[in-house]
Amino acid sequence: MQLHKNLILVLMACLPLTGVASGQGGLPEDYCRWEVEDYAIAEPLCGLAGDVQRGQEIASDGNRGNCLACHQLPIPGIEAYGTIGPPLAGIAARLSVPMIRLRVVDTRNINPVSIMPGFYRDPRLINRPGEEYRGRTFLTAQQVEDVIAYLTTLK
């Protein structure tokens, strides 16, 4: 009996580890729901079209996408980049647009222990977000689609 009580206490202690369990509230009004099928998100978020130029700017901006912190990107003049993630040159030749979308939106649907942030992950699932990100996504749906538009040019 004591073992069962201890197990229940351990499980209850773990509940606050997710945003949903810790009661961060509902989704933002402008949040677009997405669905994973075959390791991909087929439809653009909110039906939006991305812009390649804005996507490159977001990907290389240390205060927004910050892709360069972990990935090498073929951007002229950029020589400092991270090597934690795979190089992104040629990503559009390796992955379909829906597969790229899932990786940007929330790669934890592919690799649950990935350290890559889910840029459009359900904000209730973000563990201990900074104050400015509580209850919202790291990037907007438009910004995510812009990054995807840029990445699809890397063939």
Protein backbone atom coordinates (compact mmCIF):
# COMPACT_ATOMS: atom_id res chain seq x y z
CA MET A 1 0.00 0.00 0.00
CA GLN A 2 2.82 2.41 0.89
CA LEU A 3 4.43 1.74 -2.50
CA HIS A 4 1.21 2.83 -4.27
CA LYS A 5 1.04 6.03 -2.19
CA ASN A 6 4.66 6.84 -3.01
CA LEU A 7 4.05 6.21 -6.70
CA ILE A 8 1.04 8.52 -6.67
CA LEU A 9 3.07 11.24 -4.94
CA VAL A 10 5.83 10.93 -7.54
CA LEU A 11 3.33 11.14 -10.39
CA MET A 12 1.62 14.17 -8.85
CA ALA A 13 4.99 15.89 -8.45
CA CYS A 14 5.66 15.40 -12.15
CA LEU A 15 2.41 17.00 -13.32
CA PRO A 16 3.67 20.61 -13.24
CA LEU A 17 6.42 19.74 -15.73
CA THR A 18 4.11 20.43 -18.67
CA GLY A 19 2.35 23.69 -19.42
CA VAL A 20 -0.99 21.94 -19.81
CA ALA A 21 -0.80 20.43 -16.35
CA SER A 22 0.45 23.63 -14.75
CA GLY A 23 -2.60 25.55 -15.96
CA GLN A 24 -1.06 28.12 -18.24
CA GLY A 25 -4.49 28.61 -19.74
CA GLY A 26 -5.85 28.07 -23.20
CA LEU A 27 -4.36 28.66 -26.59
CA PRO A 28 -3.93 32.20 -27.93
CA GLU A 29 -6.90 33.34 -30.02
CA ASP A 30 -4.80 33.54 -33.19
CA TYR A 31 -3.24 30.08 -32.75
CA CYS A 32 -3.75 27.86 -35.81
CA ARG A 33 -4.16 24.21 -35.05
CA TRP A 34 -2.07 21.81 -37.09
CA GLU A 35 -2.07 18.07 -37.58
CA VAL A 36 0.78 15.61 -38.04
CA GLU A 37 0.39 12.83 -40.57
CA ASP A 38 3.24 10.66 -41.86
CA TYR A 39 5.88 12.82 -40.11
CA ALA A 40 4.63 15.96 -41.85
CA ILE A 41 2.21 18.87 -41.60
CA ALA A 42 0.58 19.02 -45.02
CA GLU A 43 -1.21 22.36 -44.84
CA PRO A 44 0.41 25.77 -44.30
CA LEU A 45 -0.36 27.24 -40.90
CA CYS A 46 -3.55 29.33 -41.08
CA GLY A 47 -3.45 28.86 -44.88
CA LEU A 48 -0.64 31.45 -45.07
CA ALA A 49 1.92 31.81 -47.83
CA GLY A 50 5.51 32.45 -46.81
CA ASP A 51 7.93 35.06 -48.11
CA VAL A 52 11.46 33.86 -48.94
CA GLN A 53 13.27 37.11 -48.09
CA ARG A 54 11.53 37.52 -44.73
CA GLY A 55 12.23 33.85 -44.02
CA GLN A 56 15.97 34.27 -44.57
CA GLU A 57 15.96 37.33 -42.31
CA ILE A 58 14.12 35.45 -39.55
CA ALA A 59 16.38 32.39 -39.87
CA SER A 60 19.51 34.50 -39.49
CA ASP A 61 18.17 36.85 -36.78
CA GLY A 62 19.51 35.96 -33.33
CA ASN A 63 16.38 37.38 -31.70
CA ARG A 64 13.85 35.46 -33.78
CA GLY A 65 14.54 32.17 -35.59
CA ASN A 66 18.23 32.08 -34.69
CA CYS A 67 18.74 29.02 -36.90
CA LEU A 68 22.42 29.92 -37.23
CA ALA A 69 22.96 29.12 -33.56
CA CYS A 70 22.73 25.42 -34.40
CA HIS A 71 22.78 25.05 -38.21
CA GLN A 72 25.00 26.04 -41.07
CA LEU A 73 23.05 28.00 -43.69
CA PRO A 74 24.29 29.03 -47.13
CA ILE A 75 23.91 32.77 -46.50
CA PRO A 76 26.60 34.93 -48.15
CA GLY A 77 28.70 36.80 -45.60
CA ILE A 78 27.71 34.60 -42.66
CA GLU A 79 30.64 32.60 -41.39
CA ALA A 80 29.66 32.06 -37.74
CA TYR A 81 27.17 29.27 -37.25
CA GLY A 82 26.50 26.35 -34.97
CA THR A 83 27.19 22.71 -35.62
CA ILE A 84 24.73 21.09 -33.20
CA GLY A 85 22.11 20.57 -35.92
CA PRO A 86 22.65 19.34 -39.47
CA PRO A 87 23.68 21.79 -42.21
CA LEU A 88 20.56 23.12 -43.93
CA ALA A 89 22.04 23.51 -47.41
CA GLY A 90 20.12 21.06 -49.58
CA ILE A 91 17.30 20.47 -47.09
CA ALA A 92 14.64 20.96 -49.79
CA ALA A 93 16.26 18.19 -51.85
CA ARG A 94 16.08 15.83 -48.85
CA LEU A 95 12.69 16.67 -47.36
CA SER A 96 9.26 17.63 -48.68
CA VAL A 97 7.72 20.97 -47.71
CA PRO A 98 5.30 19.29 -45.26
CA MET A 99 8.23 17.46 -43.63
CA ILE A 100 10.18 20.72 -43.31
CA ARG A 101 7.07 22.36 -41.81
CA LEU A 102 6.85 19.76 -39.03
CA ARG A 103 10.51 20.22 -38.15
CA VAL A 104 10.10 23.98 -37.82
CA VAL A 105 6.71 23.83 -36.06
CA ASP A 106 7.66 21.17 -33.49
CA THR A 107 10.40 18.67 -34.22
CA ARG A 108 9.61 16.81 -31.00
CA ASN A 109 6.92 15.01 -32.98
CA ILE A 110 9.81 13.26 -34.72
CA ASN A 111 12.40 13.20 -31.94
CA PRO A 112 10.93 13.70 -28.46
CA VAL A 113 14.35 14.52 -26.96
CA SER A 114 15.33 17.09 -29.58
CA ILE A 115 16.78 20.32 -28.21
CA MET A 116 15.46 22.29 -31.18
CA PRO A 117 12.69 24.61 -30.05
CA GLY A 118 9.24 24.02 -31.47
CA PHE A 119 8.75 27.43 -33.04
CA TYR A 120 4.97 26.96 -33.27
CA ARG A 121 4.52 24.38 -30.56
CA ASP A 122 1.36 24.46 -28.47
CA PRO A 123 2.43 27.04 -25.86
CA ARG A 124 0.84 24.98 -23.09
CA LEU A 125 3.47 22.29 -23.76
CA ILE A 126 6.51 24.57 -23.49
CA ASN A 127 8.41 23.73 -20.33
CA ARG A 128 9.35 26.80 -18.29
CA PRO A 129 9.15 29.44 -21.02
CA GLY A 130 10.64 32.87 -20.45
CA GLU A 131 8.18 35.51 -19.29
CA GLU A 132 7.86 37.01 -22.80
CA TYR A 133 6.86 33.62 -24.27
CA ARG A 134 4.31 32.49 -21.68
CA GLY A 135 1.09 31.62 -23.43
CA ARG A 136 2.42 32.19 -26.93
CA THR A 137 4.54 30.57 -29.62
CA PHE A 138 8.17 31.48 -30.27
CA LEU A 139 7.34 32.58 -33.82
CA THR A 140 4.02 33.59 -35.36
CA ALA A 141 2.35 31.39 -37.96
CA GLN A 142 3.40 33.90 -40.64
CA GLN A 143 7.02 33.88 -39.49
CA VAL A 144 7.06 30.06 -39.52
CA GLU A 145 5.69 29.98 -43.07
CA ASP A 146 8.28 32.60 -44.09
CA VAL A 147 11.11 30.41 -42.72
CA ILE A 148 9.65 27.40 -44.52
CA ALA A 149 9.48 29.40 -47.79
CA TYR A 150 13.17 30.23 -47.38
CA LEU A 151 14.19 26.67 -46.50
CA THR A 152 12.39 25.31 -49.58
CA THR A 153 14.77 27.32 -51.76
CA LEU A 154 17.76 25.38 -50.37
CA LYS A 155 17.96 22.56 -52.91
